[in-house]
Amino acid sequence: MKRSFLLYFIISALLLASCHTAKRVQIPDSVSVPTDVYHNSDSVNAANIAWQQFFKDQHLQTVIDSVLRNNQDMLIALQRVTIAKEQLRMAKAALLPSINAVATAGVERYGDYTMNGVGNYDTEFSENISDKQRIPTPTPDYYLGLRSSWEIDLWGKLRNRKKAAIARFAATQKGRQLIATALIAQTGTLYYELLALDNELLIVKRNTQLQEAALDIVKVQKEGGRATELAVKQFEAQLYYTKSFEYSTRQQIIALENQLRFLMGQYPAHIDRSKELSPENLPERLHTGVPSDLLLHRPDIQEAELSLQAAKADVKVARAAFLPSLTINPSVGFNAFDPSLLFNPGSFVWGIFGGLTAPVFNQKQISAAYAISIAQNKEAYYMYQKTVLNAVREVVTTMQQLEQTKKMLHMKEQQTQALQDAVSSARDLYVSGYATYLEIITAQKSALEAEIEENHARKLLFTQSIELYRALGGGSFTVDN
């Protein structure tokens, strides 16, 4: 009796010793965004504009739609969403009891001095033999029925696993939206770069025609003795220099078309597009909204926030691992040593067992897992904080760049107009004998460079507008599963 009491006391002490939990770790649920970070904030965020409304070019809309449907990164992200969805189903099912249909058959010879051996000398129901004649024989065993296992969620471990799975499922959806937003912005940028190259090709061709006309003039003057062979060769060299731009521009056009086709999940081919960079293709002014709108519209911030929620739930799961778990194992079915008796009413059996399981000698392993979950929680918080900081940086930087680019474009337009006028004046003065051929060549070269720079500035205005739209969280779409 004393030994039994001592045994129970030791077991109880071990269970109590294992029931301590680690200290809670407090991590903020959100990151604050400064309210005065934008100098000109509006009440309406441009991110509220759907990409179909933001990009008015019909050809571009067709390209973007194809990218969202066929891009491999989008298809990969869809599979991640599917995986997270099935993991959520698993987490939900863990709260319910598992039921297994069981059919077993076996044979066992019990030892002479075991409880089963003493009670199973004879499985033939013999009545005419003495106890001394009863010899243990191998005993068959057949079972057909249902067995169940159900872990009672005493400390919220399973519920927190479910919460973590829900957050991760939502995070994968936001991750897919993040990829979609980036692809929409990348596609729009490449498309307008392609239009800018088309425009640059027109600029080169137009300047080529002007320089060919100037070359014809100087050839006529040479025949009349008013120009030298040196002047002719200088004009020819300038013409070849300008024509070389055409081939390099065509190479860039082919590369951009192939890159867009790659994003569309297609092989290289021509891209149908508009004829020019039209200012009407983008909104005249983008509204930034208030800084806190970033938390609502940026999919990367929402993904980081959901990952933080999942990490917090993981910490609670790891903390609950210090506590005992209660498992109930009911069963019902038929059990007999003879197959012919298996479905006999006397073979019907049922049972229910329950037990507490508490960690005793693996505390270091559980403590290590808990410490890892805390570190992962802090990592998720710092990543969330970094994502918010980066989002604000992108918006402020792009806003300032956009404003400066508008001013630069205005200056480039004036410069181009002045140099084009200079080319006309130089040509007239050269014909009249008041300017040298070098002045014409210099004016033509400067005008060509100015036009190309103006075209680049206009393209930059488009691409920065797209970048601001993306930075504000625009371009996302509804995820269909």
Protein backbone atom coordinates (compact mmCIF):
# COMPACT_ATOMS: atom_id res chain seq x y z
CA MET A 1 0.00 0.00 0.00
CA LYS A 2 2.83 2.35 0.89
CA ARG A 3 4.59 1.53 -2.37
CA SER A 4 1.44 2.30 -4.34
CA PHE A 5 1.01 5.60 -2.55
CA LEU A 6 4.66 6.48 -3.21
CA LEU A 7 4.27 5.64 -6.88
CA TYR A 8 1.17 7.84 -7.22
CA PHE A 9 2.97 10.65 -5.38
CA ILE A 10 5.96 10.51 -7.74
CA ILE A 11 3.74 10.50 -10.82
CA SER A 12 1.67 13.42 -9.52
CA ALA A 13 4.80 15.38 -8.70
CA LEU A 14 6.17 14.84 -12.18
CA LEU A 15 2.87 15.95 -13.75
CA LEU A 16 2.77 19.08 -11.61
CA ALA A 17 6.39 19.84 -12.41
CA SER A 18 5.62 19.66 -16.11
CA CYS A 19 2.63 22.00 -15.92
CA HIS A 20 4.55 25.28 -15.77
CA THR A 21 4.33 27.63 -18.74
CA ALA A 22 6.74 30.16 -20.13
CA LYS A 23 6.30 33.89 -19.71
CA ARG A 24 4.18 35.69 -22.27
CA VAL A 25 5.92 37.86 -24.85
CA GLN A 26 4.20 41.08 -25.88
CA ILE A 27 4.65 42.16 -29.52
CA PRO A 28 2.69 45.14 -30.92
CA ASP A 29 -0.18 44.25 -33.24
CA SER A 30 0.44 47.07 -35.71
CA VAL A 31 2.88 49.73 -36.83
CA SER A 32 1.98 53.41 -36.72
CA VAL A 33 2.26 55.53 -39.86
CA PRO A 34 3.15 59.25 -39.58
CA THR A 35 0.25 61.52 -40.46
CA ASP A 36 2.31 64.36 -41.97
CA VAL A 37 4.68 62.39 -44.19
CA TYR A 38 2.90 63.58 -47.37
CA HIS A 39 3.06 67.30 -47.98
CA ASN A 40 -0.04 67.22 -50.20
CA SER A 41 -2.36 64.45 -49.10
CA ASP A 42 -5.88 63.92 -50.36
CA SER A 43 -8.89 62.20 -48.90
CA VAL A 44 -9.20 59.85 -51.87
CA ASN A 45 -6.42 57.39 -52.65
CA ALA A 46 -5.53 56.65 -56.28
CA ALA A 47 -5.26 52.99 -55.27
CA ASN A 48 -9.07 52.90 -55.26
CA ILE A 49 -8.94 53.16 -59.06
CA ALA A 50 -9.11 49.75 -60.72
CA TRP A 51 -6.32 49.06 -63.17
CA GLN A 52 -8.85 48.90 -66.03
CA GLN A 53 -9.72 52.54 -65.26
CA PHE A 54 -6.17 53.66 -64.59
CA PHE A 55 -4.85 52.26 -67.88
CA LYS A 56 -7.24 53.54 -70.56
CA ASP A 57 -5.30 52.17 -73.53
CA GLN A 58 -7.31 49.24 -74.90
CA HIS A 59 -4.23 47.47 -76.25
CA LEU A 60 -2.54 47.71 -72.84
CA GLN A 61 -5.64 46.38 -71.10
CA THR A 62 -5.55 43.31 -73.37
CA VAL A 63 -1.88 42.71 -72.55
CA ILE A 64 -2.41 43.08 -68.79
CA ASP A 65 -5.39 40.73 -68.84
CA SER A 66 -3.27 38.12 -70.62
CA VAL A 67 -0.46 38.56 -68.07
CA LEU A 68 -2.80 38.07 -65.11
CA ARG A 69 -4.24 34.92 -66.67
CA ASN A 70 -1.12 33.22 -68.02
CA ASN A 71 1.94 34.50 -66.17
CA GLN A 72 3.84 31.68 -64.45
CA ASP A 73 4.40 33.67 -61.26
CA MET A 74 0.64 34.17 -61.00
CA LEU A 75 0.01 30.47 -61.55
CA ILE A 76 2.62 29.58 -58.90
CA ALA A 77 1.01 32.02 -56.46
CA LEU A 78 -2.37 30.40 -57.11
CA GLN A 79 -0.95 27.04 -56.08
CA ARG A 80 0.40 28.59 -52.87
CA VAL A 81 -3.10 29.84 -52.11
CA THR A 82 -4.46 26.34 -52.73
CA ILE A 83 -1.84 24.79 -50.42
CA ALA A 84 -2.65 27.26 -47.64
CA LYS A 85 -6.37 26.59 -48.11
CA GLU A 86 -5.86 22.84 -47.65
CA GLN A 87 -3.63 23.45 -44.62
CA LEU A 88 -6.48 25.45 -43.12
CA ARG A 89 -8.84 22.53 -43.70
CA MET A 90 -6.37 20.27 -41.88
CA ALA A 91 -6.18 22.69 -38.94
CA LYS A 92 -9.99 22.81 -38.70
CA ALA A 93 -10.23 19.01 -38.84
CA ALA A 94 -7.75 18.70 -35.95
CA LEU A 95 -10.44 20.06 -33.60
CA LEU A 96 -12.71 17.11 -34.44
CA PRO A 97 -12.27 13.48 -33.38
CA SER A 98 -10.64 11.15 -35.86
CA ILE A 99 -12.57 7.93 -36.57
CA ASN A 100 -10.94 4.93 -38.22
CA ALA A 101 -12.50 1.74 -39.47
CA VAL A 102 -10.38 -1.13 -38.21
CA ALA A 103 -10.22 -4.77 -39.33
CA THR A 104 -7.48 -6.84 -37.72
CA ALA A 105 -6.59 -10.53 -37.51
CA GLY A 106 -3.77 -12.16 -35.57
CA VAL A 107 -2.64 -15.00 -33.39
CA GLU A 108 -0.82 -14.98 -30.05
CA ARG A 109 0.40 -17.61 -27.57
CA TYR A 110 0.12 -16.36 -24.05
CA GLY A 111 2.70 -17.22 -21.41
CA ASP A 112 1.80 -19.71 -18.69
CA TYR A 113 2.10 -17.18 -15.94
CA THR A 114 0.29 -14.22 -17.49
CA MET A 115 -3.25 -13.12 -16.86
CA ASN A 116 -4.19 -13.90 -20.41
CA GLY A 117 -2.42 -17.24 -20.24
CA VAL A 118 -4.27 -18.31 -17.10
CA GLY A 119 -7.65 -17.28 -18.51
CA ASN A 120 -7.17 -18.73 -21.98
CA TYR A 121 -6.05 -22.32 -21.54
CA ASP A 122 -8.93 -23.52 -23.64
CA THR A 123 -10.60 -21.74 -26.49
CA GLU A 124 -12.59 -24.84 -27.53
CA PHE A 125 -15.01 -24.64 -24.54
CA SER A 126 -14.04 -28.20 -23.53
CA GLU A 127 -15.88 -29.42 -20.42
CA ASN A 128 -14.52 -32.98 -20.07
CA ILE A 129 -10.86 -32.23 -19.46
CA SER A 130 -9.25 -31.39 -16.17
CA ASP A 131 -7.31 -28.25 -15.44
CA LYS A 132 -4.09 -30.21 -15.59
CA GLN A 133 -4.86 -31.20 -19.15
CA ARG A 134 -5.48 -27.65 -20.23
CA ILE A 135 -2.43 -26.58 -22.22
CA PRO A 136 -2.03 -23.02 -23.52
CA THR A 137 -2.35 -22.93 -27.28
CA PRO A 138 -1.93 -20.09 -29.78
CA THR A 139 -5.08 -18.00 -29.65
CA PRO A 140 -6.52 -16.29 -32.76
CA ASP A 141 -7.89 -12.79 -32.43
CA TYR A 142 -10.23 -11.03 -34.85
CA TYR A 143 -11.55 -7.48 -34.58
CA LEU A 144 -13.89 -5.47 -36.79
CA GLY A 145 -15.15 -2.07 -35.74
CA LEU A 146 -14.43 1.63 -35.23
CA ARG A 147 -11.74 3.27 -33.16
CA SER A 148 -11.49 6.97 -32.47
CA SER A 149 -9.03 9.44 -31.02
CA TRP A 150 -9.96 12.91 -29.84
CA GLU A 151 -7.62 15.44 -28.30
CA ILE A 152 -9.54 17.83 -26.07
CA ASP A 153 -8.32 21.38 -26.69
CA LEU A 154 -7.89 22.34 -23.04
CA TRP A 155 -5.42 25.18 -23.54
CA GLY A 156 -6.35 26.48 -27.00
CA LYS A 157 -3.43 24.84 -28.79
CA LEU A 158 -5.55 23.50 -31.64
CA ARG A 159 -7.61 26.68 -31.88
CA ASN A 160 -4.44 28.76 -32.18
CA ARG A 161 -3.16 26.44 -34.89
CA LYS A 162 -6.39 27.12 -36.71
CA LYS A 163 -5.94 30.87 -36.26
CA ALA A 164 -2.41 30.63 -37.64
CA ALA A 165 -3.65 28.65 -40.64
CA ILE A 166 -6.40 31.21 -41.31
CA ALA A 167 -3.89 34.07 -41.19
CA ARG A 168 -1.46 32.26 -43.49
CA PHE A 169 -4.23 31.47 -45.95
CA ALA A 170 -5.18 35.14 -46.06
CA ALA A 171 -1.49 36.07 -46.36
CA THR A 172 -1.07 33.89 -49.44
CA GLN A 173 -4.05 35.65 -51.01
CA LYS A 174 -2.42 39.00 -50.32
CA GLY A 175 0.84 37.58 -51.66
CA ARG A 176 -0.92 36.74 -54.90
CA GLN A 177 -2.35 40.27 -55.04
CA LEU A 178 1.15 41.62 -54.45
CA ILE A 179 2.46 39.66 -57.44
CA ALA A 180 -0.49 40.88 -59.52
CA THR A 181 0.18 44.51 -58.53
CA ALA A 182 3.86 44.20 -59.43
CA LEU A 183 3.05 42.51 -62.75
CA ILE A 184 0.46 45.14 -63.68
CA ALA A 185 2.96 47.93 -62.96
CA GLN A 186 5.77 46.12 -64.79
CA THR A 187 3.56 45.46 -67.81
CA GLY A 188 2.40 49.08 -67.96
CA THR A 189 5.98 50.33 -67.66
CA LEU A 190 7.26 48.06 -70.43
CA TYR A 191 4.32 48.97 -72.66
CA TYR A 192 4.95 52.71 -72.39
CA GLU A 193 8.68 52.19 -72.83
CA LEU A 194 7.76 50.40 -76.04
CA LEU A 195 5.63 53.35 -77.16
CA ALA A 196 8.50 55.68 -76.28
CA LEU A 197 10.84 53.64 -78.47
CA ASP A 198 8.31 53.79 -81.30
CA ASN A 199 8.27 57.55 -80.90
CA GLU A 200 12.07 57.64 -80.80
CA LEU A 201 12.12 55.71 -84.06
CA LEU A 202 9.88 58.35 -85.63
CA ILE A 203 12.17 61.09 -84.33
CA VAL A 204 15.20 59.40 -85.89
CA LYS A 205 13.42 58.94 -89.22
CA ARG A 206 12.25 62.56 -89.27
CA ASN A 207 15.75 63.83 -88.52
CA THR A 208 17.16 61.47 -91.12
CA GLN A 209 14.93 63.06 -93.76
CA LEU A 210 15.99 66.56 -92.67
CA GLN A 211 19.65 65.61 -92.82
CA GLU A 212 19.22 63.98 -96.23
CA ALA A 213 17.70 67.22 -97.48
CA ALA A 214 20.65 69.17 -96.02
CA LEU A 215 23.07 66.75 -97.70
CA ASP A 216 21.38 67.31 -101.05
CA ILE A 217 21.77 71.06 -100.59
CA VAL A 218 25.48 70.86 -99.80
CA LYS A 219 26.05 68.55 -102.80
CA VAL A 220 24.41 71.12 -105.07
CA GLN A 221 26.54 73.84 -103.54
CA LYS A 222 29.66 71.76 -104.11
CA GLU A 223 28.82 71.44 -107.78
CA GLY A 224 28.42 75.22 -107.87
CA GLY A 225 31.73 75.74 -106.14
CA ARG A 226 30.23 77.11 -102.94
CA ALA A 227 31.05 74.05 -100.78
CA THR A 228 33.92 71.63 -100.41
CA GLU A 229 34.18 67.84 -100.42
CA LEU A 230 34.94 68.09 -96.68
CA ALA A 231 31.51 69.62 -96.07
CA VAL A 232 29.84 66.83 -98.07
CA LYS A 233 31.64 64.15 -96.06
CA GLN A 234 30.78 65.83 -92.76
CA PHE A 235 27.09 65.87 -93.69
CA GLU A 236 27.29 62.23 -94.80
CA ALA A 237 28.93 61.22 -91.50
CA GLN A 238 26.22 63.03 -89.53
CA LEU A 239 23.57 61.26 -91.61
CA TYR A 240 25.10 57.82 -90.95
CA TYR A 241 25.36 58.66 -87.25
CA THR A 242 21.64 59.45 -87.15
CA LYS A 243 20.68 56.35 -89.15
CA SER A 244 22.61 54.13 -86.70
CA PHE A 245 20.11 55.14 -83.99
CA GLU A 246 17.37 53.47 -85.98
CA TYR A 247 18.93 50.01 -85.75
CA SER A 248 19.75 50.23 -82.04
CA THR A 249 16.21 51.44 -81.37
CA ARG A 250 14.75 48.54 -83.34
CA GLN A 251 16.82 46.12 -81.26
CA GLN A 252 15.40 47.60 -78.07
CA ILE A 253 11.86 47.35 -79.46
CA ILE A 254 12.29 43.65 -80.23
CA ALA A 255 13.71 43.01 -76.74
CA LEU A 256 10.78 44.78 -75.05
CA GLU A 257 8.21 42.98 -77.18
CA ASN A 258 9.75 39.62 -76.27
CA GLN A 259 9.85 40.59 -72.58
CA LEU A 260 6.15 41.48 -72.64
CA ARG A 261 5.36 38.19 -74.38
CA PHE A 262 7.31 36.39 -71.66
CA LEU A 263 5.20 38.07 -68.98
CA MET A 264 2.12 36.97 -70.93
CA GLY A 265 3.37 33.37 -70.88
CA GLN A 266 3.80 33.37 -74.66
CA TYR A 267 6.57 32.95 -77.18
CA PRO A 268 8.16 36.01 -78.90
CA ALA A 269 5.86 37.85 -81.31
CA HIS A 270 4.72 41.36 -82.23
CA ILE A 271 2.77 43.36 -79.64
CA ASP A 272 -0.24 45.29 -80.88
CA ARG A 273 -0.12 48.78 -79.42
CA SER A 274 -1.13 52.41 -79.82
CA LYS A 275 0.71 54.77 -82.13
CA GLU A 276 1.97 57.34 -79.62
CA LEU A 277 2.47 58.29 -76.00
CA SER A 278 -0.77 60.14 -75.38
CA PRO A 279 -1.15 62.14 -72.14
CA GLU A 280 -4.81 61.13 -72.09
CA ASN A 281 -3.82 57.51 -71.41
CA LEU A 282 -3.12 58.24 -67.73
CA PRO A 283 -4.94 60.32 -65.08
CA GLU A 284 -3.88 63.97 -65.11
CA ARG A 285 -3.31 63.93 -61.35
CA LEU A 286 -2.85 61.07 -58.92
CA HIS A 287 -4.35 61.43 -55.44
CA THR A 288 -2.10 60.00 -52.74
CA GLY A 289 -4.69 59.86 -49.99
CA VAL A 290 -3.69 59.95 -46.32
CA PRO A 291 -0.65 57.90 -45.19
CA SER A 292 -2.76 55.40 -43.24
CA ASP A 293 -4.36 54.35 -46.54
CA LEU A 294 -1.20 52.38 -47.25
CA LEU A 295 -2.19 49.94 -44.49
CA LEU A 296 -5.49 49.35 -46.27
CA HIS A 297 -4.35 49.12 -49.88
CA ARG A 298 -0.76 47.87 -50.01
CA PRO A 299 -0.93 44.06 -50.35
CA ASP A 300 2.64 43.64 -49.09
CA ILE A 301 1.76 45.45 -45.84
CA GLN A 302 -1.38 43.36 -45.42
CA GLU A 303 0.60 40.18 -46.12
CA ALA A 304 3.20 41.15 -43.50
CA GLU A 305 0.47 41.96 -40.96
CA LEU A 306 -1.22 38.60 -41.52
CA SER A 307 2.13 36.82 -41.20
CA LEU A 308 2.58 38.61 -37.88
CA GLN A 309 -0.82 37.34 -36.71
CA ALA A 310 0.13 33.80 -37.71
CA ALA A 311 3.43 34.07 -35.84
CA LYS A 312 1.61 35.28 -32.71
CA ALA A 313 -0.68 32.25 -32.86
CA ASP A 314 2.36 29.98 -33.29
CA VAL A 315 3.80 31.36 -30.04
CA LYS A 316 0.59 30.46 -28.20
CA VAL A 317 0.74 26.95 -29.66
CA ALA A 318 4.34 26.55 -28.52
CA ARG A 319 3.46 27.88 -25.07
CA ALA A 320 0.61 25.38 -24.71
CA ALA A 321 3.07 22.54 -25.39
CA PHE A 322 4.28 22.91 -21.79
CA LEU A 323 0.84 21.84 -20.49
CA PRO A 324 -0.69 18.34 -20.34
CA SER A 325 -2.87 17.19 -23.22
CA LEU A 326 -6.07 15.19 -22.72
CA THR A 327 -6.87 12.49 -25.25
CA ILE A 328 -10.01 10.33 -25.35
CA ASN A 329 -9.98 7.04 -27.29
CA PRO A 330 -13.41 5.40 -27.70
CA SER A 331 -13.96 2.21 -29.70
CA VAL A 332 -16.85 -0.05 -30.69
CA GLY A 333 -16.98 -3.24 -32.73
CA PHE A 334 -16.83 -7.05 -32.69
CA ASN A 335 -13.99 -9.09 -31.18
CA ALA A 336 -13.65 -12.91 -31.14
CA PHE A 337 -11.09 -15.70 -31.37
CA ASP A 338 -13.13 -17.56 -33.99
CA PRO A 339 -14.23 -15.96 -37.29
CA SER A 340 -17.56 -17.80 -37.13
CA LEU A 341 -18.30 -16.10 -33.79
CA LEU A 342 -17.22 -12.60 -34.89
CA PHE A 343 -20.74 -11.26 -35.50
CA ASN A 344 -22.28 -13.13 -32.56
CA PRO A 345 -23.97 -10.72 -30.11
CA GLY A 346 -21.63 -12.01 -27.44
CA SER A 347 -18.67 -10.71 -29.47
CA PHE A 348 -19.86 -7.11 -29.35
CA VAL A 349 -17.36 -4.93 -27.48
CA TRP A 350 -16.95 -1.27 -26.70
CA GLY A 351 -14.61 0.78 -24.65
CA ILE A 352 -13.47 4.29 -23.87
CA PHE A 353 -10.12 5.35 -22.54
CA GLY A 354 -8.85 8.75 -21.58
CA GLY A 355 -5.53 9.99 -20.38
CA LEU A 356 -3.41 13.02 -19.66
CA THR A 357 -0.03 13.28 -21.32
CA ALA A 358 2.42 15.79 -19.95
CA PRO A 359 6.04 16.46 -20.95
CA VAL A 360 8.55 15.54 -18.25
CA PHE A 361 11.98 14.80 -19.65
CA ASN A 362 11.73 16.79 -22.92
CA GLN A 363 11.41 20.26 -21.40
CA LYS A 364 14.55 21.52 -23.14
CA GLN A 365 13.18 20.54 -26.52
CA ILE A 366 9.87 22.28 -25.81
CA SER A 367 11.66 25.36 -24.45
CA ALA A 368 13.79 25.51 -27.58
CA ALA A 369 10.69 25.28 -29.80
CA TYR A 370 9.07 28.06 -27.76
CA ALA A 371 12.18 30.26 -28.09
CA ILE A 372 12.18 29.67 -31.84
CA SER A 373 8.53 30.69 -32.11
CA ILE A 374 9.27 33.90 -30.16
CA ALA A 375 12.17 34.73 -32.47
CA GLN A 376 9.99 34.06 -35.52
CA ASN A 377 7.30 36.31 -34.02
CA LYS A 378 9.81 39.14 -33.59
CA GLU A 379 11.12 38.53 -37.09
CA ALA A 380 7.58 38.84 -38.47
CA TYR A 381 7.09 42.10 -36.56
CA TYR A 382 10.34 43.59 -37.81
CA MET A 383 9.47 42.51 -41.35
CA TYR A 384 6.08 44.19 -40.96
CA GLN A 385 7.78 47.34 -39.70
CA LYS A 386 10.28 47.25 -42.56
CA THR A 387 7.49 46.82 -45.12
CA VAL A 388 5.63 49.88 -43.80
CA LEU A 389 8.81 51.97 -43.80
CA ASN A 390 9.60 50.89 -47.34
CA ALA A 391 6.05 51.66 -48.51
CA VAL A 392 6.20 55.23 -47.16
CA ARG A 393 9.67 55.67 -48.67
CA GLU A 394 8.48 54.53 -52.10
CA VAL A 395 5.48 56.86 -52.09
CA VAL A 396 7.38 59.95 -50.92
CA THR A 397 10.31 59.32 -53.30
CA THR A 398 8.08 58.71 -56.32
CA MET A 399 5.93 61.76 -55.56
CA GLN A 400 8.99 63.98 -55.48
CA GLN A 401 10.44 62.40 -58.63
CA LEU A 402 7.15 62.87 -60.45
CA GLU A 403 7.00 66.55 -59.59
CA GLN A 404 10.60 67.11 -60.73
CA THR A 405 10.05 65.14 -63.94
CA LYS A 406 7.08 67.34 -64.86
CA LYS A 407 9.26 70.43 -64.51
CA MET A 408 12.10 68.79 -66.44
CA LEU A 409 9.74 67.80 -69.27
CA HIS A 410 8.54 71.39 -69.57
CA MET A 411 12.15 72.57 -69.91
CA LYS A 412 12.96 69.83 -72.45
CA GLU A 413 9.99 70.83 -74.60
CA GLN A 414 11.23 74.41 -74.70
CA GLN A 415 14.78 73.27 -75.43
CA THR A 416 13.62 71.06 -78.30
CA GLN A 417 11.55 73.84 -79.84
CA ALA A 418 14.47 76.28 -79.60
CA LEU A 419 16.91 73.84 -81.21
CA GLN A 420 14.47 72.99 -84.02
CA ASP A 421 14.16 76.70 -84.74
CA ALA A 422 17.95 76.90 -84.65
CA VAL A 423 18.22 74.15 -87.29
CA SER A 424 15.86 76.05 -89.60
CA SER A 425 17.75 79.29 -89.06
CA ALA A 426 21.13 77.65 -89.60
CA ARG A 427 19.96 76.10 -92.86
CA ASP A 428 18.62 79.41 -94.15
CA LEU A 429 21.78 81.24 -93.10
CA TYR A 430 23.97 78.60 -94.73
CA VAL A 431 22.09 78.93 -98.03
CA SER A 432 22.54 82.71 -97.79
CA GLY A 433 26.21 82.32 -96.96
CA TYR A 434 25.99 83.63 -93.40
CA ALA A 435 26.67 80.31 -91.60
CA THR A 436 29.09 77.44 -92.00
CA TYR A 437 28.19 73.82 -92.59
CA LEU A 438 29.57 72.95 -89.14
CA GLU A 439 26.91 75.17 -87.55
CA ILE A 440 24.21 73.25 -89.40
CA ILE A 441 25.66 69.88 -88.34
CA THR A 442 25.96 71.02 -84.73
CA ALA A 443 22.41 72.34 -84.70
CA GLN A 444 21.04 69.12 -86.23
CA LYS A 445 22.90 66.93 -83.76
CA SER A 446 21.78 69.04 -80.80
CA ALA A 447 18.16 69.00 -82.00
CA LEU A 448 18.19 65.21 -82.37
CA GLU A 449 19.61 64.72 -78.89
CA ALA A 450 17.12 67.18 -77.40
CA GLU A 451 14.16 65.41 -79.02
CA ILE A 452 15.35 62.05 -77.73
CA GLU A 453 15.83 63.48 -74.23
CA GLU A 454 12.35 65.03 -74.35
CA ASN A 455 10.93 61.67 -75.40
CA HIS A 456 12.79 60.00 -72.51
CA ALA A 457 11.42 62.57 -70.05
CA ARG A 458 7.87 61.97 -71.29
CA LYS A 459 8.34 58.21 -70.91
CA LEU A 460 9.72 58.80 -67.42
CA LEU A 461 6.60 60.75 -66.54
CA PHE A 462 4.46 57.77 -67.53
CA THR A 463 6.58 55.18 -65.73
CA GLN A 464 6.77 57.26 -62.53
CA SER A 465 2.99 57.72 -62.57
CA ILE A 466 2.65 53.94 -62.79
CA GLU A 467 5.16 53.50 -59.97
CA LEU A 468 3.23 55.91 -57.75
CA TYR A 469 0.01 54.02 -58.52
CA ARG A 470 1.72 50.77 -57.52
CA ALA A 471 3.35 52.29 -54.43
CA LEU A 472 -0.06 53.47 -53.20
CA GLY A 473 -1.36 49.90 -53.45
CA GLY A 474 -3.22 50.18 -56.75
CA GLY A 475 -3.43 47.61 -59.47
CA SER A 476 -4.61 44.77 -57.25
CA PHE A 477 -7.52 42.57 -58.23
CA THR A 478 -9.97 40.19 -56.61
CA VAL A 479 -8.50 36.73 -56.09
CA ASP A 480 -10.69 33.96 -57.46
CA ASN A 481 -10.07 30.50 -56.02
